[in-house]
Amino acid sequence: MVKIQCLRNQEYLSCKCVIATRFSTRFLGLMGKTQFQNGEGIYFPNNNSIHMFFMRVPIDVVFVRSEKRNHGKDQKVISSMFQSVQPWKPLLFDLKANDTIELPEGTIEKCRIQPGDELSLSLT
C-alpha cells in the first residue's frame, strides 16, 4: 500500500492506496465493489486509461505524469482529473499521463487538488 499526498497543500488523497501491479488487481480494479471508503484508492502504475464498465460506484480519477523537477529528480505531477465519473461510462484517458489513481467520489474537491500539483507517494 501507499500513501498519496499533495505537496502544495499537504492534503492526503489516500492513506490506504492499493498498488495494482498484479494482473488480477489491474483487471478487476473496483469492479463489483459497492463501496469505496474515504482514504482508499487504487494506483495503476504504467497505465493512462480506465473504463467504468461493470462498476457500481462513481469515482474520482487522477492521471499522473512523471516530470523532471527538483534538480532533475522524477516527480509525480497531476496531469488531469475527472470528478464523479459515473458507472458504465466509456474510456477515459490522458496521453500525457504515466499512471492513474482511482479515488472515492469527492476526493478531488475535498483535497483541493489541481493539475500541476506534485504528489508524494510513500509506502506504508
C-alpha atoms as a PDB file:
ATOM      1  CA  MET A   1       0.000   0.000   0.000  1.00  0.00           C
ATOM      2  CA  VAL A   2       0.969   3.601  -0.498  1.00  0.00           C
ATOM      3  CA  LYS A   3       0.014   6.990   0.954  1.00  0.00           C
ATOM      4  CA  ILE A   4      -0.547   9.732  -1.613  1.00  0.00           C
ATOM      5  CA  GLN A   5      -0.163  13.361  -0.529  1.00  0.00           C
ATOM      6  CA  CYS A   6      -0.419  16.640  -2.426  1.00  0.00           C
ATOM      7  CA  LEU A   7       2.764  18.605  -1.680  1.00  0.00           C
ATOM      8  CA  ARG A   8       1.179  22.029  -2.338  1.00  0.00           C
ATOM      9  CA  ASN A   9      -1.404  21.841   0.457  1.00  0.00           C
ATOM     10  CA  GLN A  10      -0.281  18.707   2.374  1.00  0.00           C
ATOM     11  CA  GLU A  11      -3.696  17.022   1.863  1.00  0.00           C
ATOM     12  CA  TYR A  12      -3.749  13.205   1.718  1.00  0.00           C
ATOM     13  CA  LEU A  13      -5.618  11.904  -1.313  1.00  0.00           C
ATOM     14  CA  SER A  14      -5.329   8.373   0.046  1.00  0.00           C
ATOM     15  CA  CYS A  15      -3.821   6.759   3.119  1.00  0.00           C
ATOM     16  CA  LYS A  16      -4.725   3.214   2.030  1.00  0.00           C
ATOM     17  CA  CYS A  17      -3.993   3.049  -1.676  1.00  0.00           C
ATOM     18  CA  VAL A  18      -3.504  -0.381  -3.237  1.00  0.00           C
ATOM     19  CA  ILE A  19      -0.811  -0.563  -5.917  1.00  0.00           C
ATOM     20  CA  ALA A  20      -2.243  -2.513  -8.837  1.00  0.00           C
ATOM     21  CA  THR A  21       0.760  -4.393 -10.179  1.00  0.00           C
ATOM     22  CA  ARG A  22      -0.693  -7.900 -10.489  1.00  0.00           C
ATOM     23  CA  PHE A  23      -2.841  -8.778 -13.499  1.00  0.00           C
ATOM     24  CA  SER A  24      -5.838  -9.683 -11.334  1.00  0.00           C
ATOM     25  CA  THR A  25      -5.729  -6.393  -9.406  1.00  0.00           C
ATOM     26  CA  ARG A  26      -5.314  -4.352 -12.589  1.00  0.00           C
ATOM     27  CA  PHE A  27      -8.079  -6.227 -14.387  1.00  0.00           C
ATOM     28  CA  LEU A  28     -10.642  -6.251 -11.592  1.00  0.00           C
ATOM     29  CA  GLY A  29      -9.903  -2.863 -10.003  1.00  0.00           C
ATOM     30  CA  LEU A  30     -13.159  -1.776  -8.378  1.00  0.00           C
ATOM     31  CA  MET A  31     -15.485  -3.914 -10.499  1.00  0.00           C
ATOM     32  CA  GLY A  32     -18.270  -5.324  -8.392  1.00  0.00           C
ATOM     33  CA  LYS A  33     -17.496  -3.220  -5.303  1.00  0.00           C
ATOM     34  CA  THR A  34     -20.482  -1.437  -3.794  1.00  0.00           C
ATOM     35  CA  GLN A  35     -18.455   0.873  -1.525  1.00  0.00           C
ATOM     36  CA  PHE A  36     -15.271   2.879  -1.863  1.00  0.00           C
ATOM     37  CA  GLN A  37     -14.361   4.417   1.503  1.00  0.00           C
ATOM     38  CA  ASN A  38     -12.659   7.781   2.079  1.00  0.00           C
ATOM     39  CA  GLY A  39      -8.913   7.271   2.334  1.00  0.00           C
ATOM     40  CA  GLU A  40      -8.924   4.278  -0.004  1.00  0.00           C
ATOM     41  CA  GLY A  41      -7.608   4.270  -3.549  1.00  0.00           C
ATOM     42  CA  ILE A  42      -6.110   2.203  -6.328  1.00  0.00           C
ATOM     43  CA  TYR A  43      -2.868   3.267  -8.007  1.00  0.00           C
ATOM     44  CA  PHE A  44      -2.279   1.905 -11.516  1.00  0.00           C
ATOM     45  CA  PRO A  45       1.385   2.401 -12.493  1.00  0.00           C
ATOM     46  CA  ASN A  46       2.180   2.491 -16.212  1.00  0.00           C
ATOM     47  CA  ASN A  47      -1.469   2.998 -17.125  1.00  0.00           C
ATOM     48  CA  ASN A  48      -3.039   6.072 -18.699  1.00  0.00           C
ATOM     49  CA  SER A  49      -6.632   4.940 -19.277  1.00  0.00           C
ATOM     50  CA  ILE A  50      -9.611   3.441 -17.469  1.00  0.00           C
ATOM     51  CA  HIS A  51     -13.154   2.357 -18.221  1.00  0.00           C
ATOM     52  CA  MET A  52     -16.175   2.276 -15.944  1.00  0.00           C
ATOM     53  CA  PHE A  53     -17.862  -0.862 -17.263  1.00  0.00           C
ATOM     54  CA  PHE A  54     -19.150  -3.220 -14.535  1.00  0.00           C
ATOM     55  CA  MET A  55     -18.575  -0.506 -11.900  1.00  0.00           C
ATOM     56  CA  ARG A  56     -21.216   0.152  -9.255  1.00  0.00           C
ATOM     57  CA  VAL A  57     -19.987   3.379  -7.653  1.00  0.00           C
ATOM     58  CA  PRO A  58     -18.916   6.749  -9.077  1.00  0.00           C
ATOM     59  CA  ILE A  59     -15.256   7.645  -8.559  1.00  0.00           C
ATOM     60  CA  ASP A  60     -12.761  10.476  -8.982  1.00  0.00           C
ATOM     61  CA  VAL A  61      -9.905   9.766 -11.402  1.00  0.00           C
ATOM     62  CA  VAL A  62      -6.468  11.421 -11.336  1.00  0.00           C
ATOM     63  CA  PHE A  63      -3.986  10.925 -14.163  1.00  0.00           C
ATOM     64  CA  VAL A  64      -0.339  11.406 -13.195  1.00  0.00           C
ATOM     65  CA  ARG A  65       2.774  12.045 -15.267  1.00  0.00           C
ATOM     66  CA  SER A  66       6.431  11.877 -14.309  1.00  0.00           C
ATOM     67  CA  GLU A  67       8.353  15.132 -14.658  1.00  0.00           C
ATOM     68  CA  LYS A  68      11.940  16.052 -14.011  1.00  0.00           C
ATOM     69  CA  ARG A  69      11.831  18.632 -11.206  1.00  0.00           C
ATOM     70  CA  ASN A  70      13.922  19.464  -8.153  1.00  0.00           C
ATOM     71  CA  HIS A  71      17.394  19.186  -9.695  1.00  0.00           C
ATOM     72  CA  GLY A  72      16.464  16.547 -12.272  1.00  0.00           C
ATOM     73  CA  LYS A  73      14.631  14.160  -9.951  1.00  0.00           C
ATOM     74  CA  ASP A  74      11.490  12.451 -11.226  1.00  0.00           C
ATOM     75  CA  GLN A  75       8.380  13.831  -9.554  1.00  0.00           C
ATOM     76  CA  LYS A  76       4.774  12.648  -9.883  1.00  0.00           C
ATOM     77  CA  VAL A  77       2.632  15.541 -11.150  1.00  0.00           C
ATOM     78  CA  ILE A  78      -1.128  15.664 -11.726  1.00  0.00           C
ATOM     79  CA  SER A  79      -1.729  15.735 -15.474  1.00  0.00           C
ATOM     80  CA  SER A  80      -5.551  15.765 -15.489  1.00  0.00           C
ATOM     81  CA  MET A  81      -8.503  14.879 -13.273  1.00  0.00           C
ATOM     82  CA  PHE A  82     -12.108  13.784 -13.653  1.00  0.00           C
ATOM     83  CA  GLN A  83     -14.652  14.187 -10.851  1.00  0.00           C
ATOM     84  CA  SER A  84     -17.663  11.955 -10.188  1.00  0.00           C
ATOM     85  CA  VAL A  85     -17.102   9.596 -13.094  1.00  0.00           C
ATOM     86  CA  GLN A  86     -20.259   7.502 -13.283  1.00  0.00           C
ATOM     87  CA  PRO A  87     -20.507   3.729 -13.725  1.00  0.00           C
ATOM     88  CA  TRP A  88     -20.801   2.381 -17.266  1.00  0.00           C
ATOM     89  CA  LYS A  89     -19.113   5.396 -18.856  1.00  0.00           C
ATOM     90  CA  PRO A  90     -16.721   4.750 -21.754  1.00  0.00           C
ATOM     91  CA  LEU A  91     -12.969   5.003 -21.735  1.00  0.00           C
ATOM     92  CA  LEU A  92     -11.165   7.926 -20.082  1.00  0.00           C
ATOM     93  CA  PHE A  93      -7.543   8.535 -20.987  1.00  0.00           C
ATOM     94  CA  ASP A  94      -4.705  11.046 -20.851  1.00  0.00           C
ATOM     95  CA  LEU A  95      -1.966  10.569 -23.424  1.00  0.00           C
ATOM     96  CA  LYS A  96       0.485  12.636 -21.330  1.00  0.00           C
ATOM     97  CA  ALA A  97      -0.036  10.514 -18.209  1.00  0.00           C
ATOM     98  CA  ASN A  98       2.071   7.599 -16.996  1.00  0.00           C
ATOM     99  CA  ASP A  99      -0.115   6.426 -14.108  1.00  0.00           C
ATOM    100  CA  THR A 100      -3.734   6.507 -12.947  1.00  0.00           C
ATOM    101  CA  ILE A 101      -5.253   6.864  -9.473  1.00  0.00           C
ATOM    102  CA  GLU A 102      -8.859   5.905  -8.707  1.00  0.00           C
ATOM    103  CA  LEU A 103     -10.274   7.586  -5.599  1.00  0.00           C
ATOM    104  CA  PRO A 104     -13.619   7.787  -3.813  1.00  0.00           C
ATOM    105  CA  GLU A 105     -16.032  10.308  -5.280  1.00  0.00           C
ATOM    106  CA  GLY A 106     -15.490  13.759  -3.761  1.00  0.00           C
ATOM    107  CA  THR A 107     -11.762  13.340  -3.052  1.00  0.00           C
ATOM    108  CA  ILE A 108     -10.662  15.860  -5.700  1.00  0.00           C
ATOM    109  CA  GLU A 109     -12.933  18.565  -4.277  1.00  0.00           C
ATOM    110  CA  LYS A 110     -12.173  17.723  -0.652  1.00  0.00           C
ATOM    111  CA  CYS A 111      -8.402  17.787  -1.173  1.00  0.00           C
ATOM    112  CA  ARG A 112      -8.495  20.869  -3.441  1.00  0.00           C
ATOM    113  CA  ILE A 113      -6.023  19.374  -5.905  1.00  0.00           C
ATOM    114  CA  GLN A 114      -5.401  20.732  -9.386  1.00  0.00           C
ATOM    115  CA  PRO A 115      -3.389  19.884 -12.497  1.00  0.00           C
ATOM    116  CA  GLY A 116       0.293  20.598 -11.984  1.00  0.00           C
ATOM    117  CA  ASP A 117       0.265  19.700  -8.273  1.00  0.00           C
ATOM    118  CA  GLU A 118       3.177  17.499  -7.206  1.00  0.00           C
ATOM    119  CA  LEU A 119       2.346  14.294  -5.349  1.00  0.00           C
ATOM    120  CA  SER A 120       4.312  12.385  -2.762  1.00  0.00           C
ATOM    121  CA  LEU A 121       3.925   8.612  -2.747  1.00  0.00           C
ATOM    122  CA  SER A 122       5.186   6.781   0.319  1.00  0.00           C
ATOM    123  CA  LEU A 123       4.939   3.074   1.063  1.00  0.00           C
ATOM    124  CA  THR A 124       3.032   2.121   4.221  1.00  0.00           C
END
